[in-house]
């Protein structure tokens, strides 16, 4: 599957959006797949920090070890997830738009899964253009939920 990226404009300053995204304990608020996440060993989020996550996905539970690989305040958070479903990289890139924030979210496969659940096997047989469409819709949903959460909190 190719790298997929989507973007959205959020009516809040970049610092507000970044602080929300940097709080990994809040990712279940906007992630599509009934996400649970736990930081290991705890503390401040910086490059190299790890998490354990579990999410309902493709007819099963996806368990991953997640590592923050880039953490640039008010600019970028990148993390890689490794588990039975493969090795993936996600990036959240923020750009100041004069008091608003352009947020780009991308996902890219980096390695094959060690176990392929039936639903993922079927997905893997789809043409890359259709895979890109499905993943794009998932990213768009995440971005809409992030936007809704941040804009409501920015008004408070």
N, C-alpha and C. Protein backbone atom coordinates (compact mmCIF):
# COMPACT_ATOMS: atom_id res chain seq x y z
N UNK A 1 0.84 -1.18 0.00
CA UNK A 1 0.00 0.00 0.00
C UNK A 1 0.89 1.24 0.00
N UNK A 2 0.51 2.23 -0.75
CA UNK A 2 1.31 3.46 -0.80
C UNK A 2 1.08 4.34 0.43
N UNK A 3 1.96 5.33 0.58
CA UNK A 3 1.80 6.34 1.63
C UNK A 3 0.56 7.15 1.31
N UNK A 4 -0.23 7.46 2.33
CA UNK A 4 -1.47 8.21 2.15
C UNK A 4 -1.44 9.40 3.10
N UNK A 5 -1.85 10.57 2.60
CA UNK A 5 -1.87 11.79 3.42
C UNK A 5 -3.15 12.55 3.16
N UNK A 6 -3.70 13.12 4.22
CA UNK A 6 -4.85 14.02 4.13
C UNK A 6 -4.56 15.22 5.03
N UNK A 7 -5.31 16.31 4.82
CA UNK A 7 -5.10 17.52 5.63
C UNK A 7 -6.42 18.20 5.92
N UNK A 8 -6.36 19.09 6.93
CA UNK A 8 -7.54 19.85 7.34
C UNK A 8 -7.06 21.16 7.97
N UNK A 9 -7.90 22.18 7.93
CA UNK A 9 -7.62 23.44 8.62
C UNK A 9 -8.43 23.45 9.91
N UNK A 10 -7.74 23.76 11.01
CA UNK A 10 -8.36 23.80 12.33
C UNK A 10 -8.34 25.25 12.82
N UNK A 11 -9.48 25.70 13.30
CA UNK A 11 -9.62 27.09 13.77
C UNK A 11 -9.09 27.22 15.20
N UNK A 12 -7.78 27.02 15.33
CA UNK A 12 -7.12 27.15 16.63
C UNK A 12 -5.63 27.35 16.36
N UNK A 13 -4.93 28.01 17.28
CA UNK A 13 -3.49 28.21 17.11
C UNK A 13 -2.73 26.89 17.09
N UNK A 14 -1.61 26.89 16.42
CA UNK A 14 -0.80 25.68 16.28
C UNK A 14 -0.40 25.10 17.63
N UNK A 15 -0.11 25.95 18.62
CA UNK A 15 0.28 25.47 19.94
C UNK A 15 -0.84 24.65 20.59
N UNK A 16 -2.08 25.11 20.43
CA UNK A 16 -3.23 24.41 20.99
C UNK A 16 -3.40 23.04 20.35
N UNK A 17 -3.30 22.99 19.03
CA UNK A 17 -3.45 21.73 18.30
C UNK A 17 -2.32 20.78 18.66
N UNK A 18 -1.09 21.29 18.69
CA UNK A 18 0.06 20.44 19.01
C UNK A 18 -0.07 19.86 20.42
N UNK A 19 -0.44 20.68 21.39
CA UNK A 19 -0.56 20.20 22.77
C UNK A 19 -1.61 19.09 22.87
N UNK A 20 -2.70 19.22 22.13
CA UNK A 20 -3.72 18.19 22.13
C UNK A 20 -3.16 16.89 21.55
N UNK A 21 -2.48 16.97 20.42
CA UNK A 21 -1.94 15.77 19.76
C UNK A 21 -0.80 15.14 20.55
N UNK A 22 -0.02 15.96 21.24
CA UNK A 22 1.13 15.46 22.01
C UNK A 22 0.69 14.68 23.25
N UNK A 23 -0.56 14.82 23.65
CA UNK A 23 -1.10 14.08 24.78
C UNK A 23 -1.66 12.75 24.25
N UNK A 24 -0.81 11.74 24.19
CA UNK A 24 -1.19 10.46 23.62
C UNK A 24 -2.35 9.82 24.37
N UNK A 25 -2.54 10.17 25.64
CA UNK A 25 -3.67 9.60 26.38
C UNK A 25 -5.00 10.06 25.79
N UNK A 26 -4.98 11.11 24.97
CA UNK A 26 -6.20 11.62 24.34
C UNK A 26 -6.42 11.07 22.93
N UNK A 27 -5.47 10.31 22.40
CA UNK A 27 -5.65 9.75 21.06
C UNK A 27 -6.91 8.91 20.92
N UNK A 28 -7.35 8.16 21.97
CA UNK A 28 -8.60 7.42 21.82
C UNK A 28 -9.82 8.30 21.55
N UNK A 29 -9.74 9.60 21.87
CA UNK A 29 -10.86 10.51 21.61
C UNK A 29 -11.10 10.68 20.12
N UNK A 30 -10.04 10.54 19.32
CA UNK A 30 -10.20 10.80 17.88
C UNK A 30 -9.85 9.61 16.99
N UNK A 31 -9.22 8.60 17.53
CA UNK A 31 -8.85 7.44 16.71
C UNK A 31 -10.09 6.61 16.39
N UNK A 32 -10.13 6.09 15.22
CA UNK A 32 -11.30 5.37 14.70
C UNK A 32 -11.53 4.03 15.38
N UNK A 33 -10.51 3.35 15.80
CA UNK A 33 -10.59 1.93 16.11
C UNK A 33 -10.55 1.59 17.60
N UNK A 34 -11.48 2.11 18.40
CA UNK A 34 -11.55 1.74 19.83
C UNK A 34 -10.16 1.59 20.45
N UNK A 35 -9.37 2.60 20.33
CA UNK A 35 -7.98 2.58 20.75
C UNK A 35 -7.82 2.63 22.26
N UNK A 36 -6.88 1.83 22.75
CA UNK A 36 -6.38 1.93 24.12
C UNK A 36 -4.88 2.12 24.00
N UNK A 37 -4.34 3.04 24.79
CA UNK A 37 -2.90 3.31 24.69
C UNK A 37 -2.33 3.55 26.08
N UNK A 38 -1.14 3.02 26.30
CA UNK A 38 -0.48 3.13 27.60
C UNK A 38 0.99 3.44 27.37
N UNK A 39 1.46 4.52 27.98
CA UNK A 39 2.86 4.89 27.84
C UNK A 39 3.74 3.98 28.68
N UNK A 40 4.88 3.61 28.12
CA UNK A 40 5.85 2.79 28.85
C UNK A 40 7.19 3.50 28.79
N UNK A 41 7.82 3.85 29.81
CA UNK A 41 7.53 3.66 31.23
C UNK A 41 6.76 4.80 31.86
N UNK A 42 6.37 5.81 31.11
CA UNK A 42 5.66 6.96 31.66
C UNK A 42 6.55 8.19 31.56
N UNK A 43 5.96 9.34 31.77
CA UNK A 43 6.73 10.57 31.73
C UNK A 43 6.37 11.42 30.52
N UNK A 44 7.27 12.31 30.16
CA UNK A 44 7.06 13.27 29.09
C UNK A 44 7.22 12.63 27.73
N UNK A 45 6.39 13.06 26.78
CA UNK A 45 6.50 12.55 25.41
C UNK A 45 7.64 13.29 24.71
N UNK A 46 8.61 12.53 24.24
CA UNK A 46 9.73 13.03 23.45
C UNK A 46 10.10 11.91 22.47
N UNK A 47 11.00 12.21 21.54
CA UNK A 47 11.47 11.16 20.63
C UNK A 47 12.04 10.01 21.45
N UNK A 48 11.68 8.79 21.06
CA UNK A 48 12.17 7.60 21.74
C UNK A 48 11.21 7.02 22.76
N UNK A 49 10.21 7.79 23.18
CA UNK A 49 9.23 7.29 24.14
C UNK A 49 8.40 6.20 23.47
N UNK A 50 8.04 5.18 24.25
CA UNK A 50 7.27 4.07 23.70
C UNK A 50 5.92 3.94 24.39
N UNK A 51 5.01 3.32 23.67
CA UNK A 51 3.65 3.06 24.13
C UNK A 51 3.27 1.64 23.73
N UNK A 52 2.30 1.09 24.43
CA UNK A 52 1.63 -0.13 24.00
C UNK A 52 0.22 0.30 23.60
N UNK A 53 -0.24 -0.21 22.47
CA UNK A 53 -1.60 0.12 22.07
C UNK A 53 -2.35 -1.13 21.66
N UNK A 54 -3.66 -1.03 21.74
CA UNK A 54 -4.56 -2.09 21.26
C UNK A 54 -5.75 -1.39 20.63
N UNK A 55 -6.14 -1.88 19.45
CA UNK A 55 -7.26 -1.28 18.74
C UNK A 55 -8.00 -2.34 17.96
N UNK A 56 -9.33 -2.20 17.90
CA UNK A 56 -10.11 -3.08 17.04
C UNK A 56 -9.88 -2.69 15.60
N UNK A 57 -9.47 -3.67 14.79
CA UNK A 57 -9.16 -3.34 13.39
C UNK A 57 -9.20 -4.58 12.52
N UNK A 58 -9.82 -4.45 11.36
CA UNK A 58 -9.84 -5.51 10.34
C UNK A 58 -10.32 -6.84 10.90
N UNK A 59 -11.31 -6.78 11.77
CA UNK A 59 -11.89 -8.00 12.30
C UNK A 59 -11.13 -8.62 13.45
N UNK A 60 -10.16 -7.93 14.00
CA UNK A 60 -9.39 -8.46 15.12
C UNK A 60 -8.92 -7.34 16.02
N UNK A 61 -8.05 -7.68 16.93
CA UNK A 61 -7.44 -6.68 17.82
C UNK A 61 -6.01 -6.47 17.34
N UNK A 62 -5.68 -5.25 17.05
CA UNK A 62 -4.32 -4.90 16.63
C UNK A 62 -3.57 -4.43 17.87
N UNK A 63 -2.53 -5.18 18.23
CA UNK A 63 -1.67 -4.80 19.36
C UNK A 63 -0.33 -4.37 18.79
N UNK A 64 0.11 -3.21 19.21
CA UNK A 64 1.34 -2.65 18.67
C UNK A 64 2.23 -2.10 19.77
N UNK A 65 3.51 -2.10 19.48
CA UNK A 65 4.48 -1.32 20.24
C UNK A 65 4.69 -0.06 19.42
N UNK A 66 4.45 1.07 20.02
CA UNK A 66 4.50 2.36 19.32
C UNK A 66 5.69 3.15 19.86
N UNK A 67 6.48 3.70 18.94
CA UNK A 67 7.63 4.51 19.32
C UNK A 67 7.53 5.88 18.66
N UNK A 68 7.67 6.93 19.45
CA UNK A 68 7.72 8.28 18.89
C UNK A 68 9.11 8.43 18.26
N UNK A 69 9.15 8.69 16.96
CA UNK A 69 10.43 8.78 16.25
C UNK A 69 10.81 10.22 15.91
N UNK A 70 9.84 11.13 15.91
CA UNK A 70 10.12 12.56 15.73
C UNK A 70 9.14 13.32 16.60
N UNK A 71 9.66 14.31 17.32
CA UNK A 71 8.83 15.14 18.19
C UNK A 71 9.40 16.54 18.14
N UNK A 72 8.81 17.38 17.30
CA UNK A 72 9.27 18.75 17.11
C UNK A 72 8.13 19.67 17.58
N UNK A 73 8.29 20.30 18.75
CA UNK A 73 7.20 21.11 19.30
C UNK A 73 6.59 22.06 18.28
N UNK A 74 5.25 22.05 18.27
CA UNK A 74 4.43 22.91 17.41
C UNK A 74 4.65 22.67 15.92
N UNK A 75 5.25 21.56 15.56
CA UNK A 75 5.54 21.30 14.16
C UNK A 75 5.24 19.87 13.69
N UNK A 76 5.74 18.86 14.43
CA UNK A 76 5.61 17.49 13.92
C UNK A 76 5.70 16.45 15.03
N UNK A 77 4.84 15.44 14.90
CA UNK A 77 4.91 14.24 15.72
C UNK A 77 4.86 13.07 14.75
N UNK A 78 5.86 12.21 14.81
CA UNK A 78 5.86 11.00 13.99
C UNK A 78 6.06 9.82 14.91
N UNK A 79 5.30 8.77 14.64
CA UNK A 79 5.46 7.56 15.44
C UNK A 79 5.33 6.35 14.55
N UNK A 80 5.99 5.28 14.99
CA UNK A 80 5.95 4.02 14.26
C UNK A 80 5.35 2.96 15.15
N UNK A 81 4.49 2.16 14.55
CA UNK A 81 3.82 1.07 15.26
C UNK A 81 4.29 -0.25 14.65
N UNK A 82 4.67 -1.18 15.52
CA UNK A 82 5.12 -2.50 15.08
C UNK A 82 4.29 -3.53 15.83
N UNK A 83 3.71 -4.46 15.06
CA UNK A 83 2.90 -5.52 15.66
C UNK A 83 2.60 -6.59 14.64
N UNK A 84 1.66 -7.44 14.98
CA UNK A 84 1.32 -8.57 14.11
C UNK A 84 0.81 -8.10 12.75
N UNK A 85 0.26 -6.88 12.68
CA UNK A 85 -0.28 -6.39 11.42
C UNK A 85 0.76 -5.68 10.57
N UNK A 86 1.99 -5.62 11.05
CA UNK A 86 3.06 -5.00 10.26
C UNK A 86 3.72 -3.84 10.98
N UNK A 87 4.47 -3.08 10.21
CA UNK A 87 5.23 -1.92 10.70
C UNK A 87 4.74 -0.72 9.91
N UNK A 88 4.17 0.27 10.60
CA UNK A 88 3.62 1.46 9.96
C UNK A 88 4.16 2.73 10.60
N UNK A 89 4.21 3.77 9.82
CA UNK A 89 4.62 5.09 10.31
C UNK A 89 3.44 6.04 10.11
N UNK A 90 3.15 6.81 11.15
CA UNK A 90 2.16 7.88 11.03
C UNK A 90 2.83 9.19 11.37
N UNK A 91 2.45 10.22 10.65
CA UNK A 91 2.98 11.56 10.90
C UNK A 91 1.83 12.54 11.06
N UNK A 92 2.01 13.46 11.99
CA UNK A 92 1.12 14.59 12.21
C UNK A 92 1.98 15.84 12.03
N UNK A 93 1.73 16.60 10.98
CA UNK A 93 2.53 17.77 10.66
C UNK A 93 1.64 19.01 10.74
N UNK A 94 2.10 20.00 11.50
CA UNK A 94 1.31 21.21 11.74
C UNK A 94 1.99 22.41 11.10
N UNK A 95 1.18 23.27 10.49
CA UNK A 95 1.67 24.51 9.89
C UNK A 95 0.81 25.66 10.38
N UNK A 96 1.44 26.74 10.88
CA UNK A 96 0.73 27.93 11.33
C UNK A 96 0.13 28.63 10.11
N UNK A 97 -1.14 28.93 10.20
CA UNK A 97 -1.86 29.63 9.13
C UNK A 97 -2.46 30.93 9.67
N UNK A 98 -1.64 31.71 10.38
CA UNK A 98 -2.11 32.98 10.92
C UNK A 98 -3.19 32.83 11.97
N UNK A 99 -2.92 32.04 13.01
CA UNK A 99 -3.89 31.82 14.07
C UNK A 99 -4.71 30.56 13.87
N UNK A 100 -4.66 30.02 12.68
CA UNK A 100 -5.30 28.72 12.39
C UNK A 100 -4.17 27.72 12.17
N UNK A 101 -4.52 26.45 12.08
CA UNK A 101 -3.51 25.41 11.90
C UNK A 101 -3.90 24.50 10.75
N UNK A 102 -2.96 24.31 9.84
CA UNK A 102 -3.14 23.26 8.83
C UNK A 102 -2.50 22.01 9.41
N UNK A 103 -3.30 20.94 9.55
CA UNK A 103 -2.82 19.67 10.07
C UNK A 103 -2.82 18.64 8.96
N UNK A 104 -1.67 18.04 8.73
CA UNK A 104 -1.55 16.96 7.76
C UNK A 104 -1.30 15.66 8.53
N UNK A 105 -2.04 14.63 8.19
CA UNK A 105 -1.88 13.32 8.82
C UNK A 105 -1.59 12.32 7.71
N UNK A 106 -0.57 11.52 7.91
CA UNK A 106 -0.23 10.52 6.90
C UNK A 106 0.02 9.17 7.54
N UNK A 107 -0.09 8.15 6.72
CA UNK A 107 0.22 6.78 7.14
C UNK A 107 0.99 6.12 6.01
N UNK A 108 2.00 5.36 6.41
CA UNK A 108 2.86 4.69 5.42
C UNK A 108 3.27 3.32 5.95
N UNK A 109 3.09 2.27 5.15
CA UNK A 109 3.58 0.96 5.58
C UNK A 109 5.09 0.88 5.45
N UNK A 110 5.74 0.27 6.44
CA UNK A 110 7.20 0.13 6.40
C UNK A 110 7.64 -1.33 6.37
N UNK A 111 6.75 -2.23 6.75
CA UNK A 111 7.10 -3.65 6.77
C UNK A 111 5.86 -4.52 6.78
N UNK A 112 5.99 -5.75 6.33
CA UNK A 112 4.84 -6.65 6.22
C UNK A 112 4.41 -7.20 7.58
N UNK A 113 3.17 -7.64 7.67
CA UNK A 113 2.69 -8.25 8.91
C UNK A 113 3.27 -9.64 9.09
N UNK A 114 3.35 -10.07 10.35
CA UNK A 114 3.79 -11.43 10.65
C UNK A 114 2.60 -12.37 10.67
N UNK A 115 1.41 -11.81 10.80
CA UNK A 115 0.17 -12.58 10.82
C UNK A 115 -0.85 -11.78 10.03
N UNK A 116 -1.60 -12.42 9.17
CA UNK A 116 -2.55 -11.70 8.34
C UNK A 116 -3.97 -12.18 8.63
N UNK A 117 -4.74 -11.43 9.43
CA UNK A 117 -6.14 -11.78 9.66
C UNK A 117 -6.90 -11.76 8.33
N UNK A 118 -7.98 -12.49 8.27
CA UNK A 118 -8.74 -12.63 7.03
C UNK A 118 -9.09 -11.28 6.40
N UNK A 119 -9.64 -10.37 7.21
CA UNK A 119 -10.06 -9.07 6.66
C UNK A 119 -8.88 -8.30 6.10
N UNK A 120 -7.72 -8.37 6.75
CA UNK A 120 -6.53 -7.69 6.24
C UNK A 120 -6.02 -8.36 4.98
N UNK A 121 -6.14 -9.69 4.89
CA UNK A 121 -5.73 -10.41 3.68
C UNK A 121 -6.59 -9.97 2.50
N UNK A 122 -7.89 -9.82 2.74
CA UNK A 122 -8.79 -9.36 1.68
C UNK A 122 -8.41 -7.93 1.27
N UNK A 123 -8.19 -7.07 2.27
CA UNK A 123 -7.80 -5.68 2.00
C UNK A 123 -6.52 -5.64 1.16
N UNK A 124 -5.56 -6.51 1.49
CA UNK A 124 -4.28 -6.54 0.78
C UNK A 124 -4.41 -6.95 -0.67
N UNK A 125 -5.50 -7.58 -1.04
CA UNK A 125 -5.72 -7.98 -2.44
C UNK A 125 -6.38 -6.90 -3.27
N UNK A 126 -6.83 -5.83 -2.61
CA UNK A 126 -7.45 -4.73 -3.35
C UNK A 126 -6.39 -3.98 -4.13
N UNK A 127 -6.77 -3.37 -5.25
CA UNK A 127 -5.80 -2.54 -5.99
C UNK A 127 -5.29 -1.40 -5.10
N UNK A 128 -4.03 -0.99 -5.27
CA UNK A 128 -3.47 0.09 -4.44
C UNK A 128 -4.34 1.35 -4.43
N UNK A 129 -4.98 1.67 -5.55
CA UNK A 129 -5.82 2.87 -5.59
C UNK A 129 -7.00 2.75 -4.63
N UNK A 130 -7.57 1.56 -4.51
CA UNK A 130 -8.69 1.36 -3.60
C UNK A 130 -8.20 1.30 -2.15
N UNK A 131 -7.04 0.71 -1.91
CA UNK A 131 -6.45 0.71 -0.57
C UNK A 131 -6.22 2.16 -0.13
N UNK A 132 -5.69 2.96 -1.04
CA UNK A 132 -5.40 4.37 -0.73
C UNK A 132 -6.71 5.11 -0.39
N UNK A 133 -7.77 4.81 -1.10
CA UNK A 133 -9.07 5.43 -0.84
C UNK A 133 -9.57 5.07 0.55
N UNK A 134 -9.50 3.80 0.92
CA UNK A 134 -9.97 3.34 2.23
C UNK A 134 -9.15 3.99 3.35
N UNK A 135 -7.83 3.94 3.24
CA UNK A 135 -6.97 4.55 4.27
C UNK A 135 -7.19 6.06 4.31
N UNK A 136 -7.36 6.68 3.16
CA UNK A 136 -7.64 8.12 3.10
C UNK A 136 -8.90 8.48 3.86
N UNK A 137 -9.93 7.66 3.74
CA UNK A 137 -11.18 7.93 4.46
C UNK A 137 -10.97 7.79 5.97
N UNK A 138 -10.15 6.82 6.38
CA UNK A 138 -9.85 6.66 7.81
C UNK A 138 -9.11 7.91 8.32
N UNK A 139 -8.11 8.38 7.57
CA UNK A 139 -7.37 9.58 7.96
C UNK A 139 -8.29 10.79 8.03
N UNK A 140 -9.18 10.93 7.04
CA UNK A 140 -10.12 12.06 7.03
C UNK A 140 -11.01 12.05 8.26
N UNK A 141 -11.47 10.87 8.66
CA UNK A 141 -12.28 10.77 9.87
C UNK A 141 -11.51 11.19 11.10
N UNK A 142 -10.26 10.72 11.21
CA UNK A 142 -9.40 11.13 12.34
C UNK A 142 -9.26 12.65 12.37
N UNK A 143 -8.97 13.24 11.21
CA UNK A 143 -8.78 14.69 11.15
C UNK A 143 -10.05 15.44 11.54
N UNK A 144 -11.21 14.99 11.08
CA UNK A 144 -12.48 15.65 11.46
C UNK A 144 -12.70 15.58 12.98
N UNK A 145 -12.39 14.42 13.58
CA UNK A 145 -12.58 14.29 15.03
C UNK A 145 -11.58 15.15 15.80
N UNK A 146 -10.34 15.23 15.32
CA UNK A 146 -9.35 16.11 15.96
C UNK A 146 -9.83 17.56 15.88
N UNK A 147 -10.25 17.98 14.70
CA UNK A 147 -10.73 19.35 14.49
C UNK A 147 -11.89 19.66 15.44
N UNK A 148 -12.86 18.76 15.52
CA UNK A 148 -14.03 19.00 16.38
C UNK A 148 -13.61 19.14 17.84
N UNK A 149 -12.75 18.26 18.31
CA UNK A 149 -12.31 18.31 19.72
C UNK A 149 -11.54 19.59 20.01
N UNK A 150 -10.58 19.91 19.16
CA UNK A 150 -9.72 21.08 19.42
C UNK A 150 -10.52 22.37 19.32
N UNK A 151 -11.39 22.49 18.33
CA UNK A 151 -12.14 23.74 18.16
C UNK A 151 -13.11 23.95 19.32
N UNK A 152 -13.72 22.90 19.83
CA UNK A 152 -14.60 23.04 20.98
C UNK A 152 -13.81 23.49 22.20
N UNK A 153 -12.64 22.89 22.41
CA UNK A 153 -11.82 23.24 23.57
C UNK A 153 -11.22 24.64 23.42
N UNK A 154 -10.92 25.07 22.19
CA UNK A 154 -10.34 26.39 21.97
C UNK A 154 -11.33 27.50 22.32
N UNK A 155 -12.61 27.21 22.22
CA UNK A 155 -13.65 28.20 22.52
C UNK A 155 -13.83 28.37 24.02
N UNK A 156 -13.54 27.31 24.80
CA UNK A 156 -13.74 27.34 26.25
C UNK A 156 -12.85 28.37 26.92
